[in-house]
Amino acid sequence: MSIAKDNSLYQRIDEALDTIRPHLEIDGGNIEIVSISDKMEVEIRWLGNCEFCSMSAMTMKAGVEQAIKSMVPEVISVKALNGVV
């Protein structure tokens, strides 16, 4: 089961992603939340140039995962559904 978009948890995670989106947009990319499981596992999707970027693995660990976990500490894991991650 996944958490609905209108849930405050979803909004908090999306706000965390907003802190890194400007860096992604500079290179023509973006990111979206696909789902948040009841086990607090977040699935994201890379968009635009980020989808197949060779740096997306580093961006995931050093940017996305860190931003989400620092603002929403109850999140256990973050994974990408596409790209090279």
PDB file of N, CA and C in Angstrom:
ATOM      1  N   MET A   1       0.843  -1.181   0.000  1.00  0.00           N
ATOM      2  CA  MET A   1       0.000   0.000   0.000  1.00  0.00           C
ATOM      3  C   MET A   1       0.886   1.241   0.000  1.00  0.00           C
ATOM      4  N   SER A   2       0.501   2.270  -0.728  1.00  0.00           N
ATOM      5  CA  SER A   2       1.301   3.488  -0.759  1.00  0.00           C
ATOM      6  C   SER A   2       0.523   4.652  -0.165  1.00  0.00           C
ATOM      7  N   ILE A   3       1.253   5.664   0.208  1.00  0.00           N
ATOM      8  CA  ILE A   3       0.688   6.833   0.861  1.00  0.00           C
ATOM      9  C   ILE A   3       0.219   7.820  -0.201  1.00  0.00           C
ATOM     10  N   ALA A   4      -0.969   8.403   0.008  1.00  0.00           N
ATOM     11  CA  ALA A   4      -1.585   9.301  -0.971  1.00  0.00           C
ATOM     12  C   ALA A   4      -0.852  10.634  -1.066  1.00  0.00           C
ATOM     13  N   LYS A   5      -0.977  11.274  -2.246  1.00  0.00           N
ATOM     14  CA  LYS A   5      -0.323  12.557  -2.492  1.00  0.00           C
ATOM     15  C   LYS A   5      -0.801  13.651  -1.554  1.00  0.00           C
ATOM     16  N   ASP A   6      -2.020  13.561  -1.074  1.00  0.00           N
ATOM     17  CA  ASP A   6      -2.541  14.616  -0.210  1.00  0.00           C
ATOM     18  C   ASP A   6      -2.108  14.439   1.250  1.00  0.00           C
ATOM     19  N   ASN A   7      -1.338  13.432   1.522  1.00  0.00           N
ATOM     20  CA  ASN A   7      -0.837  13.174   2.862  1.00  0.00           C
ATOM     21  C   ASN A   7       0.285  14.152   3.203  1.00  0.00           C
ATOM     22  N   SER A   8       0.367  14.570   4.459  1.00  0.00           N
ATOM     23  CA  SER A   8       1.410  15.518   4.856  1.00  0.00           C
ATOM     24  C   SER A   8       2.808  14.926   4.705  1.00  0.00           C
ATOM     25  N   LEU A   9       2.940  13.620   4.838  1.00  0.00           N
ATOM     26  CA  LEU A   9       4.246  12.975   4.639  1.00  0.00           C
ATOM     27  C   LEU A   9       4.717  13.170   3.203  1.00  0.00           C
ATOM     28  N   TYR A  10       3.823  12.947   2.259  1.00  0.00           N
ATOM     29  CA  TYR A  10       4.144  13.156   0.845  1.00  0.00           C
ATOM     30  C   TYR A  10       4.596  14.599   0.626  1.00  0.00           C
ATOM     31  N   GLN A  11       3.867  15.527   1.212  1.00  0.00           N
ATOM     32  CA  GLN A  11       4.191  16.945   1.052  1.00  0.00           C
ATOM     33  C   GLN A  11       5.556  17.276   1.653  1.00  0.00           C
ATOM     34  N   ARG A  12       5.884  16.697   2.788  1.00  0.00           N
ATOM     35  CA  ARG A  12       7.183  16.929   3.417  1.00  0.00           C
ATOM     36  C   ARG A  12       8.320  16.383   2.560  1.00  0.00           C
ATOM     37  N   ILE A  13       8.118  15.217   1.976  1.00  0.00           N
ATOM     38  CA  ILE A  13       9.143  14.638   1.102  1.00  0.00           C
ATOM     39  C   ILE A  13       9.298  15.479  -0.150  1.00  0.00           C
ATOM     40  N   ASP A  14       8.185  15.938  -0.704  1.00  0.00           N
ATOM     41  CA  ASP A  14       8.245  16.781  -1.894  1.00  0.00           C
ATOM     42  C   ASP A  14       8.951  18.102  -1.586  1.00  0.00           C
ATOM     43  N   GLU A  15       8.742  18.643  -0.400  1.00  0.00           N
ATOM     44  CA  GLU A  15       9.447  19.862   0.016  1.00  0.00           C
ATOM     45  C   GLU A  15      10.953  19.597   0.131  1.00  0.00           C
ATOM     46  N   ALA A  16      11.321  18.428   0.606  1.00  0.00           N
ATOM     47  CA  ALA A  16      12.742  18.065   0.668  1.00  0.00           C
ATOM     48  C   ALA A  16      13.333  18.010  -0.740  1.00  0.00           C
ATOM     49  N   LEU A  17      12.583  17.445  -1.676  1.00  0.00           N
ATOM     50  CA  LEU A  17      13.044  17.385  -3.064  1.00  0.00           C
ATOM     51  C   LEU A  17      13.149  18.773  -3.678  1.00  0.00           C
ATOM     52  N   ASP A  18      12.282  19.696  -3.234  1.00  0.00           N
ATOM     53  CA  ASP A  18      12.346  21.068  -3.739  1.00  0.00           C
ATOM     54  C   ASP A  18      13.691  21.723  -3.438  1.00  0.00           C
ATOM     55  N   THR A  19      14.378  21.260  -2.396  1.00  0.00           N
ATOM     56  CA  THR A  19      15.673  21.852  -2.055  1.00  0.00           C
ATOM     57  C   THR A  19      16.763  21.460  -3.052  1.00  0.00           C
ATOM     58  N   ILE A  20      16.579  20.356  -3.762  1.00  0.00           N
ATOM     59  CA  ILE A  20      17.597  19.945  -4.745  1.00  0.00           C
ATOM     60  C   ILE A  20      17.137  20.125  -6.188  1.00  0.00           C
ATOM     61  N   ARG A  21      15.850  20.355  -6.403  1.00  0.00           N
ATOM     62  CA  ARG A  21      15.344  20.515  -7.775  1.00  0.00           C
ATOM     63  C   ARG A  21      16.068  21.602  -8.571  1.00  0.00           C
ATOM     64  N   PRO A  22      16.378  22.763  -7.976  1.00  0.00           N
ATOM     65  CA  PRO A  22      17.087  23.786  -8.775  1.00  0.00           C
ATOM     66  C   PRO A  22      18.403  23.275  -9.365  1.00  0.00           C
ATOM     67  N   HIS A  23      19.109  22.426  -8.645  1.00  0.00           N
ATOM     68  CA  HIS A  23      20.366  21.861  -9.140  1.00  0.00           C
ATOM     69  C   HIS A  23      20.118  20.907 -10.308  1.00  0.00           C
ATOM     70  N   LEU A  24      19.026  20.161 -10.240  1.00  0.00           N
ATOM     71  CA  LEU A  24      18.684  19.238 -11.319  1.00  0.00           C
ATOM     72  C   LEU A  24      18.209  19.994 -12.557  1.00  0.00           C
ATOM     73  N   GLU A  25      17.426  21.044 -12.331  1.00  0.00           N
ATOM     74  CA  GLU A  25      16.859  21.812 -13.438  1.00  0.00           C
ATOM     75  C   GLU A  25      17.930  22.525 -14.250  1.00  0.00           C
ATOM     76  N   ILE A  26      19.031  22.887 -13.612  1.00  0.00           N
ATOM     77  CA  ILE A  26      20.141  23.529 -14.334  1.00  0.00           C
ATOM     78  C   ILE A  26      20.621  22.635 -15.477  1.00  0.00           C
ATOM     79  N   ASP A  27      20.608  21.337 -15.253  1.00  0.00           N
ATOM     80  CA  ASP A  27      21.057  20.377 -16.268  1.00  0.00           C
ATOM     81  C   ASP A  27      19.911  19.784 -17.068  1.00  0.00           C
ATOM     82  N   GLY A  28      18.718  20.367 -16.960  1.00  0.00           N
ATOM     83  CA  GLY A  28      17.576  19.908 -17.742  1.00  0.00           C
ATOM     84  C   GLY A  28      16.882  18.689 -17.165  1.00  0.00           C
ATOM     85  N   GLY A  29      17.002  18.491 -15.869  1.00  0.00           N
ATOM     86  CA  GLY A  29      16.378  17.334 -15.240  1.00  0.00           C
ATOM     87  C   GLY A  29      15.412  17.716 -14.137  1.00  0.00           C
ATOM     88  N   ASN A  30      14.832  16.700 -13.548  1.00  0.00           N
ATOM     89  CA  ASN A  30      13.926  16.878 -12.420  1.00  0.00           C
ATOM     90  C   ASN A  30      13.733  15.518 -11.770  1.00  0.00           C
ATOM     91  N   ILE A  31      12.873  15.490 -10.769  1.00  0.00           N
ATOM     92  CA  ILE A  31      12.625  14.269 -10.009  1.00  0.00           C
ATOM     93  C   ILE A  31      11.189  14.300  -9.522  1.00  0.00           C
ATOM     94  N   GLU A  32      10.568  13.125  -9.437  1.00  0.00           N
ATOM     95  CA  GLU A  32       9.208  13.060  -8.894  1.00  0.00           C
ATOM     96  C   GLU A  32       9.073  11.859  -7.974  1.00  0.00           C
ATOM     97  N   ILE A  33       8.157  11.981  -7.038  1.00  0.00           N
ATOM     98  CA  ILE A  33       7.852  10.869  -6.141  1.00  0.00           C
ATOM     99  C   ILE A  33       6.896   9.939  -6.867  1.00  0.00           C
ATOM    100  N   VAL A  34       7.222   8.654  -6.892  1.00  0.00           N
ATOM    101  CA  VAL A  34       6.345   7.657  -7.494  1.00  0.00           C
ATOM    102  C   VAL A  34       5.449   7.058  -6.416  1.00  0.00           C
ATOM    103  N   SER A  35       6.070   6.664  -5.292  1.00  0.00           N
ATOM    104  CA  SER A  35       5.282   6.078  -4.210  1.00  0.00           C
ATOM    105  C   SER A  35       6.037   6.166  -2.892  1.00  0.00           C
ATOM    106  N   ILE A  36       5.269   6.059  -1.825  1.00  0.00           N
ATOM    107  CA  ILE A  36       5.808   5.973  -0.471  1.00  0.00           C
ATOM    108  C   ILE A  36       5.082   4.800   0.175  1.00  0.00           C
ATOM    109  N   SER A  37       5.830   3.777   0.525  1.00  0.00           N
ATOM    110  CA  SER A  37       5.196   2.580   1.085  1.00  0.00           C
ATOM    111  C   SER A  37       4.896   2.770   2.569  1.00  0.00           C
ATOM    112  N   ASP A  38       4.072   1.900   3.082  1.00  0.00           N
ATOM    113  CA  ASP A  38       3.767   1.902   4.518  1.00  0.00           C
ATOM    114  C   ASP A  38       5.016   1.616   5.344  1.00  0.00           C
ATOM    115  N   LYS A  39       6.019   1.013   4.709  1.00  0.00           N
ATOM    116  CA  LYS A  39       7.285   0.704   5.389  1.00  0.00           C
ATOM    117  C   LYS A  39       8.247   1.885   5.331  1.00  0.00           C
ATOM    118  N   MET A  40       7.762   3.025   4.830  1.00  0.00           N
ATOM    119  CA  MET A  40       8.545   4.261   4.732  1.00  0.00           C
ATOM    120  C   MET A  40       9.686   4.154   3.722  1.00  0.00           C
ATOM    121  N   GLU A  41       9.418   3.465   2.628  1.00  0.00           N
ATOM    122  CA  GLU A  41      10.351   3.370   1.511  1.00  0.00           C
ATOM    123  C   GLU A  41       9.829   4.268   0.394  1.00  0.00           C
ATOM    124  N   VAL A  42      10.674   5.175  -0.074  1.00  0.00           N
ATOM    125  CA  VAL A  42      10.289   6.141  -1.100  1.00  0.00           C
ATOM    126  C   VAL A  42      10.851   5.692  -2.440  1.00  0.00           C
ATOM    127  N   GLU A  43      10.003   5.693  -3.457  1.00  0.00           N
ATOM    128  CA  GLU A  43      10.436   5.415  -4.820  1.00  0.00           C
ATOM    129  C   GLU A  43      10.313   6.709  -5.606  1.00  0.00           C
ATOM    130  N   ILE A  44      11.385   7.070  -6.303  1.00  0.00           N
ATOM    131  CA  ILE A  44      11.391   8.279  -7.118  1.00  0.00           C
ATOM    132  C   ILE A  44      11.603   7.905  -8.579  1.00  0.00           C
ATOM    133  N   ARG A  45      11.342   8.877  -9.439  1.00  0.00           N
ATOM    134  CA  ARG A  45      11.603   8.706 -10.873  1.00  0.00           C
ATOM    135  C   ARG A  45      12.403   9.916 -11.329  1.00  0.00           C
ATOM    136  N   TRP A  46      13.523   9.657 -11.983  1.00  0.00           N
ATOM    137  CA  TRP A  46      14.302  10.721 -12.599  1.00  0.00           C
ATOM    138  C   TRP A  46      13.571  11.180 -13.844  1.00  0.00           C
ATOM    139  N   LEU A  47      13.610  12.473 -14.108  1.00  0.00           N
ATOM    140  CA  LEU A  47      12.958  13.043 -15.286  1.00  0.00           C
ATOM    141  C   LEU A  47      13.967  13.828 -16.111  1.00  0.00           C
ATOM    142  N   GLY A  48      13.680  13.981 -17.390  1.00  0.00           N
ATOM    143  CA  GLY A  48      14.537  14.770 -18.273  1.00  0.00           C
ATOM    144  C   GLY A  48      15.932  14.181 -18.392  1.00  0.00           C
ATOM    145  N   ASN A  49      16.922  15.054 -18.391  1.00  0.00           N
ATOM    146  CA  ASN A  49      18.310  14.616 -18.554  1.00  0.00           C
ATOM    147  C   ASN A  49      18.802  13.759 -17.397  1.00  0.00           C
ATOM    148  N   CYS A  50      18.145  13.828 -16.254  1.00  0.00           N
ATOM    149  CA  CYS A  50      18.571  13.025 -15.098  1.00  0.00           C
ATOM    150  C   CYS A  50      18.295  11.534 -15.295  1.00  0.00           C
ATOM    151  N   GLU A  51      17.356  11.226 -16.186  1.00  0.00           N
ATOM    152  CA  GLU A  51      16.921   9.835 -16.332  1.00  0.00           C
ATOM    153  C   GLU A  51      18.070   8.882 -16.657  1.00  0.00           C
ATOM    154  N   PHE A  52      18.998   9.302 -17.502  1.00  0.00           N
ATOM    155  CA  PHE A  52      20.090   8.412 -17.882  1.00  0.00           C
ATOM    156  C   PHE A  52      21.467   9.009 -17.599  1.00  0.00           C
ATOM    157  N   CYS A  53      21.503   9.970 -16.698  1.00  0.00           N
ATOM    158  CA  CYS A  53      22.759  10.632 -16.354  1.00  0.00           C
ATOM    159  C   CYS A  53      23.674   9.681 -15.588  1.00  0.00           C
ATOM    160  N   SER A  54      24.936   9.691 -15.949  1.00  0.00           N
ATOM    161  CA  SER A  54      25.904   8.820 -15.271  1.00  0.00           C
ATOM    162  C   SER A  54      26.161   9.263 -13.833  1.00  0.00           C
ATOM    163  N   MET A  55      25.782  10.463 -13.477  1.00  0.00           N
ATOM    164  CA  MET A  55      25.989  10.980 -12.127  1.00  0.00           C
ATOM    165  C   MET A  55      24.784  10.756 -11.220  1.00  0.00           C
ATOM    166  N   SER A  56      23.730  10.134 -11.725  1.00  0.00           N
ATOM    167  CA  SER A  56      22.510  10.000 -10.932  1.00  0.00           C
ATOM    168  C   SER A  56      22.702   9.147  -9.676  1.00  0.00           C
ATOM    169  N   ALA A  57      23.608   8.185  -9.706  1.00  0.00           N
ATOM    170  CA  ALA A  57      23.864   7.379  -8.499  1.00  0.00           C
ATOM    171  C   ALA A  57      24.452   8.247  -7.395  1.00  0.00           C
ATOM    172  N   MET A  58      25.389   9.116  -7.754  1.00  0.00           N
ATOM    173  CA  MET A  58      25.983  10.012  -6.766  1.00  0.00           C
ATOM    174  C   MET A  58      24.954  11.048  -6.298  1.00  0.00           C
ATOM    175  N   THR A  59      24.162  11.560  -7.226  1.00  0.00           N
ATOM    176  CA  THR A  59      23.119  12.520  -6.874  1.00  0.00           C
ATOM    177  C   THR A  59      22.111  11.887  -5.932  1.00  0.00           C
ATOM    178  N   MET A  60      21.820  10.613  -6.139  1.00  0.00           N
ATOM    179  CA  MET A  60      20.872   9.909  -5.281  1.00  0.00           C
ATOM    180  C   MET A  60      21.381   9.869  -3.850  1.00  0.00           C
ATOM    181  N   LYS A  61      22.609   9.424  -3.653  1.00  0.00           N
ATOM    182  CA  LYS A  61      23.159   9.265  -2.298  1.00  0.00           C
ATOM    183  C   LYS A  61      23.497  10.602  -1.653  1.00  0.00           C
ATOM    184  N   ALA A  62      24.179  11.475  -2.390  1.00  0.00           N
ATOM    185  CA  ALA A  62      24.667  12.719  -1.800  1.00  0.00           C
ATOM    186  C   ALA A  62      23.622  13.827  -1.790  1.00  0.00           C
ATOM    187  N   GLY A  63      22.596  13.699  -2.611  1.00  0.00           N
ATOM    188  CA  GLY A  63      21.599  14.766  -2.700  1.00  0.00           C
ATOM    189  C   GLY A  63      20.208  14.336  -2.288  1.00  0.00           C
ATOM    190  N   VAL A  64      19.616  13.473  -3.070  1.00  0.00           N
ATOM    191  CA  VAL A  64      18.217  13.098  -2.877  1.00  0.00           C
ATOM    192  C   VAL A  64      18.005  12.399  -1.540  1.00  0.00           C
ATOM    193  N   GLU A  65      18.711  11.314  -1.317  1.00  0.00           N
ATOM    194  CA  GLU A  65      18.517  10.544  -0.090  1.00  0.00           C
ATOM    195  C   GLU A  65      18.842  11.387   1.146  1.00  0.00           C
ATOM    196  N   GLN A  66      19.919  12.133   1.089  1.00  0.00           N
ATOM    197  CA  GLN A  66      20.318  12.972   2.222  1.00  0.00           C
ATOM    198  C   GLN A  66      19.271  14.053   2.501  1.00  0.00           C
ATOM    199  N   ALA A  67      18.773  14.706   1.459  1.00  0.00           N
ATOM    200  CA  ALA A  67      17.764  15.756   1.634  1.00  0.00           C
ATOM    201  C   ALA A  67      16.496  15.201   2.250  1.00  0.00           C
ATOM    202  N   ILE A  68      16.042  14.055   1.739  1.00  0.00           N
ATOM    203  CA  ILE A  68      14.813  13.461   2.254  1.00  0.00           C
ATOM    204  C   ILE A  68      14.991  13.022   3.693  1.00  0.00           C
ATOM    205  N   LYS A  69      16.048  12.277   3.966  1.00  0.00           N
ATOM    206  CA  LYS A  69      16.237  11.748   5.327  1.00  0.00           C
ATOM    207  C   LYS A  69      16.498  12.842   6.355  1.00  0.00           C
ATOM    208  N   SER A  70      17.106  13.945   5.939  1.00  0.00           N
ATOM    209  CA  SER A  70      17.351  15.018   6.910  1.00  0.00           C
ATOM    210  C   SER A  70      16.065  15.764   7.255  1.00  0.00           C
ATOM    211  N   MET A  71      15.156  15.888   6.285  1.00  0.00           N
ATOM    212  CA  MET A  71      13.908  16.604   6.541  1.00  0.00           C
ATOM    213  C   MET A  71      12.771  15.684   6.973  1.00  0.00           C
ATOM    214  N   VAL A  72      12.882  14.396   6.624  1.00  0.00           N
ATOM    215  CA  VAL A  72      11.847  13.416   6.965  1.00  0.00           C
ATOM    216  C   VAL A  72      12.555  12.169   7.500  1.00  0.00           C
ATOM    217  N   PRO A  73      13.024  12.224   8.747  1.00  0.00           N
ATOM    218  CA  PRO A  73      13.867  11.149   9.287  1.00  0.00           C
ATOM    219  C   PRO A  73      13.193   9.785   9.397  1.00  0.00           C
ATOM    220  N   GLU A  74      11.887   9.738   9.321  1.00  0.00           N
ATOM    221  CA  GLU A  74      11.206   8.446   9.399  1.00  0.00           C
ATOM    222  C   GLU A  74      11.320   7.627   8.112  1.00  0.00           C
ATOM    223  N   VAL A  75      11.809   8.240   7.040  1.00  0.00           N
ATOM    224  CA  VAL A  75      12.024   7.513   5.782  1.00  0.00           C
ATOM    225  C   VAL A  75      13.193   6.556   5.963  1.00  0.00           C
ATOM    226  N   ILE A  76      12.976   5.300   5.579  1.00  0.00           N
ATOM    227  CA  ILE A  76      13.974   4.237   5.728  1.00  0.00           C
ATOM    228  C   ILE A  76      14.903   4.140   4.514  1.00  0.00           C
ATOM    229  N   SER A  77      14.314   4.225   3.315  1.00  0.00           N
ATOM    230  CA  SER A  77      15.127   4.089   2.109  1.00  0.00           C
ATOM    231  C   SER A  77      14.533   4.884   0.957  1.00  0.00           C
ATOM    232  N   VAL A  78      15.394   5.194  -0.012  1.00  0.00           N
ATOM    233  CA  VAL A  78      14.991   5.904  -1.225  1.00  0.00           C
ATOM    234  C   VAL A  78      15.604   5.173  -2.398  1.00  0.00           C
ATOM    235  N   LYS A  79      14.783   4.873  -3.407  1.00  0.00           N
ATOM    236  CA  LYS A  79      15.336   4.219  -4.598  1.00  0.00           C
ATOM    237  C   LYS A  79      14.697   4.786  -5.848  1.00  0.00           C
ATOM    238  N   ALA A  80      15.458   4.718  -6.936  1.00  0.00           N
ATOM    239  CA  ALA A  80      14.996   5.207  -8.229  1.00  0.00           C
ATOM    240  C   ALA A  80      14.440   4.041  -9.038  1.00  0.00           C
ATOM    241  N   LEU A  81      13.377   4.311  -9.773  1.00  0.00           N
ATOM    242  CA  LEU A  81      12.761   3.276 -10.604  1.00  0.00           C
ATOM    243  C   LEU A  81      13.294   3.283 -12.031  1.00  0.00           C
ATOM    244  N   ASN A  82      14.078   4.283 -12.387  1.00  0.00           N
ATOM    245  CA  ASN A  82      14.627   4.338 -13.748  1.00  0.00           C
ATOM    246  C   ASN A  82      16.034   4.891 -13.707  1.00  0.00           C
ATOM    247  N   GLY A  83      16.638   5.000 -14.849  1.00  0.00           N
ATOM    248  CA  GLY A  83      17.978   5.570 -14.920  1.00  0.00           C
ATOM    249  C   GLY A  83      19.038   4.536 -14.596  1.00  0.00           C
ATOM    250  N   VAL A  84      20.194   5.020 -14.256  1.00  0.00           N
ATOM    251  CA  VAL A  84      21.348   4.144 -14.045  1.00  0.00           C
ATOM    252  C   VAL A  84      21.566   3.811 -12.587  1.00  0.00           C
ATOM    253  N   VAL A  85      20.688   4.261 -11.702  1.00  0.00           N
ATOM    254  CA  VAL A  85      20.841   4.008 -10.260  1.00  0.00           C
ATOM    255  C   VAL A  85      20.495   2.576  -9.955  1.00  0.00           C
TER     256      VAL A  85
END
